[in-house]
Amino acid sequence: MPTDSSTLVTTLRTFDGEITLDAALEEEQDMLRRLTYWDKRINFLVYLVAEIEAVVSYHLGLSEIFACRQAIRGIALTITKSL
């Protein structure tokens, strides 16, 4: 069944919700910055978790990141049980 491209609605995810392609083309704001927010946010969070794991591994004397993750989960579980 052929689709008419004029009826196809494309929504794009921005930092403050979603926007249709037509609305984005009409916006005067910098849409590229708004549209790349989620990728940049995910990249930052991945970087942040890796840095935290490295610091915790170093201070706990762990040689592997896996051991660090297990130690963090154990500490979190202990704290949660004590509440």
N, C-alpha and C. Protein backbone atom coordinates (compact mmCIF):
# COMPACT_ATOMS: atom_id res chain seq x y z
N MET A 1 0.85 -1.17 0.00
CA MET A 1 0.00 0.00 0.00
C MET A 1 0.89 1.23 0.00
N PRO A 2 0.87 2.04 -1.03
CA PRO A 2 1.73 3.22 -1.10
C PRO A 2 1.31 4.27 -0.08
N THR A 3 2.29 4.96 0.46
CA THR A 3 2.00 6.02 1.42
C THR A 3 2.31 7.36 0.80
N ASP A 4 1.52 8.31 1.11
CA ASP A 4 1.72 9.67 0.64
C ASP A 4 2.68 10.36 1.61
N SER A 5 3.79 10.87 1.11
CA SER A 5 4.80 11.46 1.99
C SER A 5 4.28 12.70 2.69
N SER A 6 3.25 13.34 2.16
CA SER A 6 2.72 14.53 2.82
C SER A 6 1.93 14.16 4.07
N THR A 7 1.46 12.92 4.18
CA THR A 7 0.71 12.51 5.37
C THR A 7 1.60 11.83 6.39
N LEU A 8 2.84 11.56 6.04
CA LEU A 8 3.77 10.91 6.96
C LEU A 8 4.24 11.93 8.00
N VAL A 9 4.01 11.62 9.26
CA VAL A 9 4.40 12.53 10.34
C VAL A 9 5.63 11.96 11.02
N THR A 10 6.69 12.76 11.06
CA THR A 10 7.92 12.36 11.71
C THR A 10 8.08 13.21 12.96
N THR A 11 8.23 12.54 14.10
CA THR A 11 8.48 13.28 15.33
C THR A 11 9.93 13.09 15.74
N LEU A 12 10.49 14.14 16.25
CA LEU A 12 11.88 14.15 16.69
C LEU A 12 11.91 14.43 18.18
N ARG A 13 12.80 13.77 18.88
CA ARG A 13 12.91 13.95 20.33
C ARG A 13 13.88 15.08 20.64
N THR A 14 13.44 16.01 21.48
CA THR A 14 14.29 17.11 21.92
C THR A 14 14.38 17.06 23.44
N PHE A 15 15.19 17.96 24.03
CA PHE A 15 15.35 17.94 25.47
C PHE A 15 14.10 18.37 26.22
N ASP A 16 13.19 19.02 25.54
CA ASP A 16 11.96 19.45 26.22
C ASP A 16 10.71 18.79 25.66
N GLY A 17 10.87 17.61 25.08
CA GLY A 17 9.72 16.88 24.56
C GLY A 17 9.96 16.40 23.15
N GLU A 18 8.89 16.34 22.39
CA GLU A 18 8.97 15.92 21.00
C GLU A 18 8.47 17.04 20.11
N ILE A 19 8.93 17.03 18.88
CA ILE A 19 8.52 18.04 17.91
C ILE A 19 8.40 17.36 16.56
N THR A 20 7.44 17.78 15.78
CA THR A 20 7.30 17.21 14.45
C THR A 20 8.33 17.83 13.53
N LEU A 21 8.62 17.14 12.46
CA LEU A 21 9.59 17.65 11.50
C LEU A 21 9.14 18.98 10.92
N ASP A 22 7.86 19.09 10.60
CA ASP A 22 7.35 20.35 10.05
C ASP A 22 7.52 21.49 11.05
N ALA A 23 7.21 21.24 12.32
CA ALA A 23 7.35 22.28 13.34
C ALA A 23 8.82 22.64 13.54
N ALA A 24 9.70 21.65 13.47
CA ALA A 24 11.14 21.91 13.63
C ALA A 24 11.66 22.78 12.50
N LEU A 25 11.17 22.56 11.29
CA LEU A 25 11.61 23.36 10.15
C LEU A 25 11.14 24.80 10.27
N GLU A 26 10.03 25.02 10.97
CA GLU A 26 9.50 26.37 11.14
C GLU A 26 10.13 27.10 12.32
N GLU A 27 10.76 26.38 13.24
CA GLU A 27 11.37 26.98 14.43
C GLU A 27 12.54 27.87 14.03
N GLU A 28 12.72 28.93 14.80
CA GLU A 28 13.86 29.82 14.56
C GLU A 28 15.01 29.51 15.51
N GLN A 29 14.78 28.62 16.49
CA GLN A 29 15.83 28.26 17.43
C GLN A 29 16.81 27.29 16.77
N ASP A 30 17.94 27.11 17.43
CA ASP A 30 18.95 26.18 16.94
C ASP A 30 18.47 24.75 17.21
N MET A 31 17.87 24.13 16.22
CA MET A 31 17.29 22.80 16.38
C MET A 31 18.37 21.73 16.50
N LEU A 32 19.51 21.92 15.89
CA LEU A 32 20.57 20.92 15.97
C LEU A 32 20.99 20.69 17.42
N ARG A 33 21.12 21.76 18.17
CA ARG A 33 21.48 21.64 19.58
C ARG A 33 20.38 20.92 20.35
N ARG A 34 19.14 21.25 20.08
CA ARG A 34 18.03 20.60 20.77
C ARG A 34 17.92 19.13 20.40
N LEU A 35 18.22 18.79 19.16
CA LEU A 35 18.07 17.41 18.70
C LEU A 35 19.22 16.50 19.13
N THR A 36 20.38 17.06 19.36
CA THR A 36 21.54 16.25 19.77
C THR A 36 21.66 16.12 21.28
N TYR A 37 20.76 16.75 22.03
CA TYR A 37 20.82 16.74 23.49
C TYR A 37 20.85 15.32 24.05
N TRP A 38 19.95 14.43 23.60
CA TRP A 38 19.85 13.09 24.17
C TRP A 38 21.12 12.28 23.96
N ASP A 39 21.70 12.36 22.75
CA ASP A 39 22.96 11.64 22.51
C ASP A 39 24.07 12.16 23.40
N LYS A 40 24.15 13.47 23.54
CA LYS A 40 25.19 14.05 24.38
C LYS A 40 24.97 13.68 25.84
N ARG A 41 23.72 13.64 26.27
CA ARG A 41 23.39 13.27 27.65
C ARG A 41 23.81 11.83 27.93
N ILE A 42 23.49 10.93 27.02
CA ILE A 42 23.86 9.52 27.19
C ILE A 42 25.37 9.37 27.21
N ASN A 43 26.06 10.03 26.29
CA ASN A 43 27.52 9.97 26.26
C ASN A 43 28.13 10.47 27.57
N PHE A 44 27.57 11.56 28.11
CA PHE A 44 28.07 12.10 29.36
C PHE A 44 27.85 11.12 30.51
N LEU A 45 26.66 10.51 30.58
CA LEU A 45 26.38 9.58 31.66
C LEU A 45 27.26 8.34 31.59
N VAL A 46 27.53 7.84 30.39
CA VAL A 46 28.44 6.71 30.22
C VAL A 46 29.84 7.08 30.70
N TYR A 47 30.29 8.27 30.32
CA TYR A 47 31.60 8.77 30.76
C TYR A 47 31.64 8.90 32.29
N LEU A 48 30.58 9.46 32.87
CA LEU A 48 30.54 9.69 34.30
C LEU A 48 30.58 8.38 35.08
N VAL A 49 29.82 7.40 34.65
CA VAL A 49 29.81 6.10 35.32
C VAL A 49 31.20 5.45 35.24
N ALA A 50 31.83 5.55 34.08
CA ALA A 50 33.18 4.97 33.93
C ALA A 50 34.18 5.66 34.86
N GLU A 51 34.07 6.97 35.01
CA GLU A 51 34.97 7.71 35.90
C GLU A 51 34.73 7.32 37.36
N ILE A 52 33.46 7.21 37.73
CA ILE A 52 33.13 6.83 39.11
C ILE A 52 33.66 5.43 39.40
N GLU A 53 33.47 4.51 38.47
CA GLU A 53 33.97 3.14 38.65
C GLU A 53 35.49 3.13 38.80
N ALA A 54 36.17 3.93 38.00
CA ALA A 54 37.64 3.98 38.08
C ALA A 54 38.11 4.51 39.42
N VAL A 55 37.46 5.56 39.92
CA VAL A 55 37.85 6.15 41.20
C VAL A 55 37.56 5.17 42.34
N VAL A 56 36.38 4.56 42.32
CA VAL A 56 36.02 3.61 43.37
C VAL A 56 36.95 2.40 43.33
N SER A 57 37.25 1.91 42.14
CA SER A 57 38.18 0.77 42.01
C SER A 57 39.53 1.11 42.61
N TYR A 58 40.01 2.29 42.31
CA TYR A 58 41.31 2.71 42.82
C TYR A 58 41.31 2.77 44.35
N HIS A 59 40.30 3.41 44.92
CA HIS A 59 40.27 3.60 46.36
C HIS A 59 39.96 2.32 47.14
N LEU A 60 39.27 1.38 46.51
CA LEU A 60 39.00 0.10 47.17
C LEU A 60 40.08 -0.93 46.87
N GLY A 61 41.05 -0.55 46.04
CA GLY A 61 42.13 -1.46 45.71
C GLY A 61 41.69 -2.61 44.81
N LEU A 62 40.69 -2.38 43.99
CA LEU A 62 40.20 -3.41 43.08
C LEU A 62 40.89 -3.28 41.74
N SER A 63 41.23 -4.40 41.14
CA SER A 63 41.95 -4.35 39.87
C SER A 63 41.04 -4.42 38.66
N GLU A 64 39.81 -4.81 38.86
CA GLU A 64 38.91 -4.95 37.72
C GLU A 64 37.65 -4.12 37.93
N ILE A 65 37.13 -3.60 36.84
CA ILE A 65 35.90 -2.82 36.90
C ILE A 65 34.73 -3.71 37.37
N PHE A 66 34.71 -4.98 36.94
CA PHE A 66 33.64 -5.88 37.36
C PHE A 66 33.59 -5.99 38.88
N ALA A 67 34.74 -6.12 39.49
CA ALA A 67 34.79 -6.21 40.95
C ALA A 67 34.29 -4.92 41.57
N CYS A 68 34.59 -3.81 40.93
CA CYS A 68 34.13 -2.52 41.42
C CYS A 68 32.61 -2.45 41.37
N ARG A 69 32.03 -2.90 40.27
CA ARG A 69 30.57 -2.89 40.14
C ARG A 69 29.93 -3.75 41.23
N GLN A 70 30.52 -4.92 41.50
CA GLN A 70 29.98 -5.79 42.53
C GLN A 70 30.10 -5.15 43.90
N ALA A 71 31.21 -4.47 44.15
CA ALA A 71 31.41 -3.80 45.44
C ALA A 71 30.41 -2.67 45.62
N ILE A 72 30.18 -1.90 44.58
CA ILE A 72 29.22 -0.80 44.66
C ILE A 72 27.82 -1.33 44.93
N ARG A 73 27.44 -2.40 44.25
CA ARG A 73 26.11 -3.00 44.48
C ARG A 73 26.00 -3.52 45.91
N GLY A 74 27.06 -4.13 46.41
CA GLY A 74 27.05 -4.64 47.77
C GLY A 74 26.92 -3.52 48.79
N ILE A 75 27.64 -2.43 48.58
CA ILE A 75 27.56 -1.28 49.48
C ILE A 75 26.16 -0.69 49.44
N ALA A 76 25.60 -0.54 48.23
CA ALA A 76 24.26 0.02 48.09
C ALA A 76 23.23 -0.87 48.75
N LEU A 77 23.39 -2.19 48.61
CA LEU A 77 22.46 -3.12 49.23
C LEU A 77 22.54 -3.04 50.75
N THR A 78 23.76 -2.93 51.29
CA THR A 78 23.95 -2.81 52.73
C THR A 78 23.30 -1.53 53.26
N ILE A 79 23.49 -0.45 52.55
CA ILE A 79 22.90 0.84 52.96
C ILE A 79 21.39 0.76 52.91
N THR A 80 20.85 0.15 51.86
CA THR A 80 19.41 0.03 51.71
C THR A 80 18.80 -0.81 52.83
N LYS A 81 19.46 -1.88 53.20
CA LYS A 81 18.94 -2.76 54.27
C LYS A 81 18.96 -2.07 55.63
N SER A 82 19.90 -1.14 55.82
CA SER A 82 20.02 -0.49 57.13
C SER A 82 19.01 0.63 57.30
N LEU A 83 18.31 1.00 56.24
CA LEU A 83 17.33 2.09 56.34
C LEU A 83 16.04 1.66 56.93
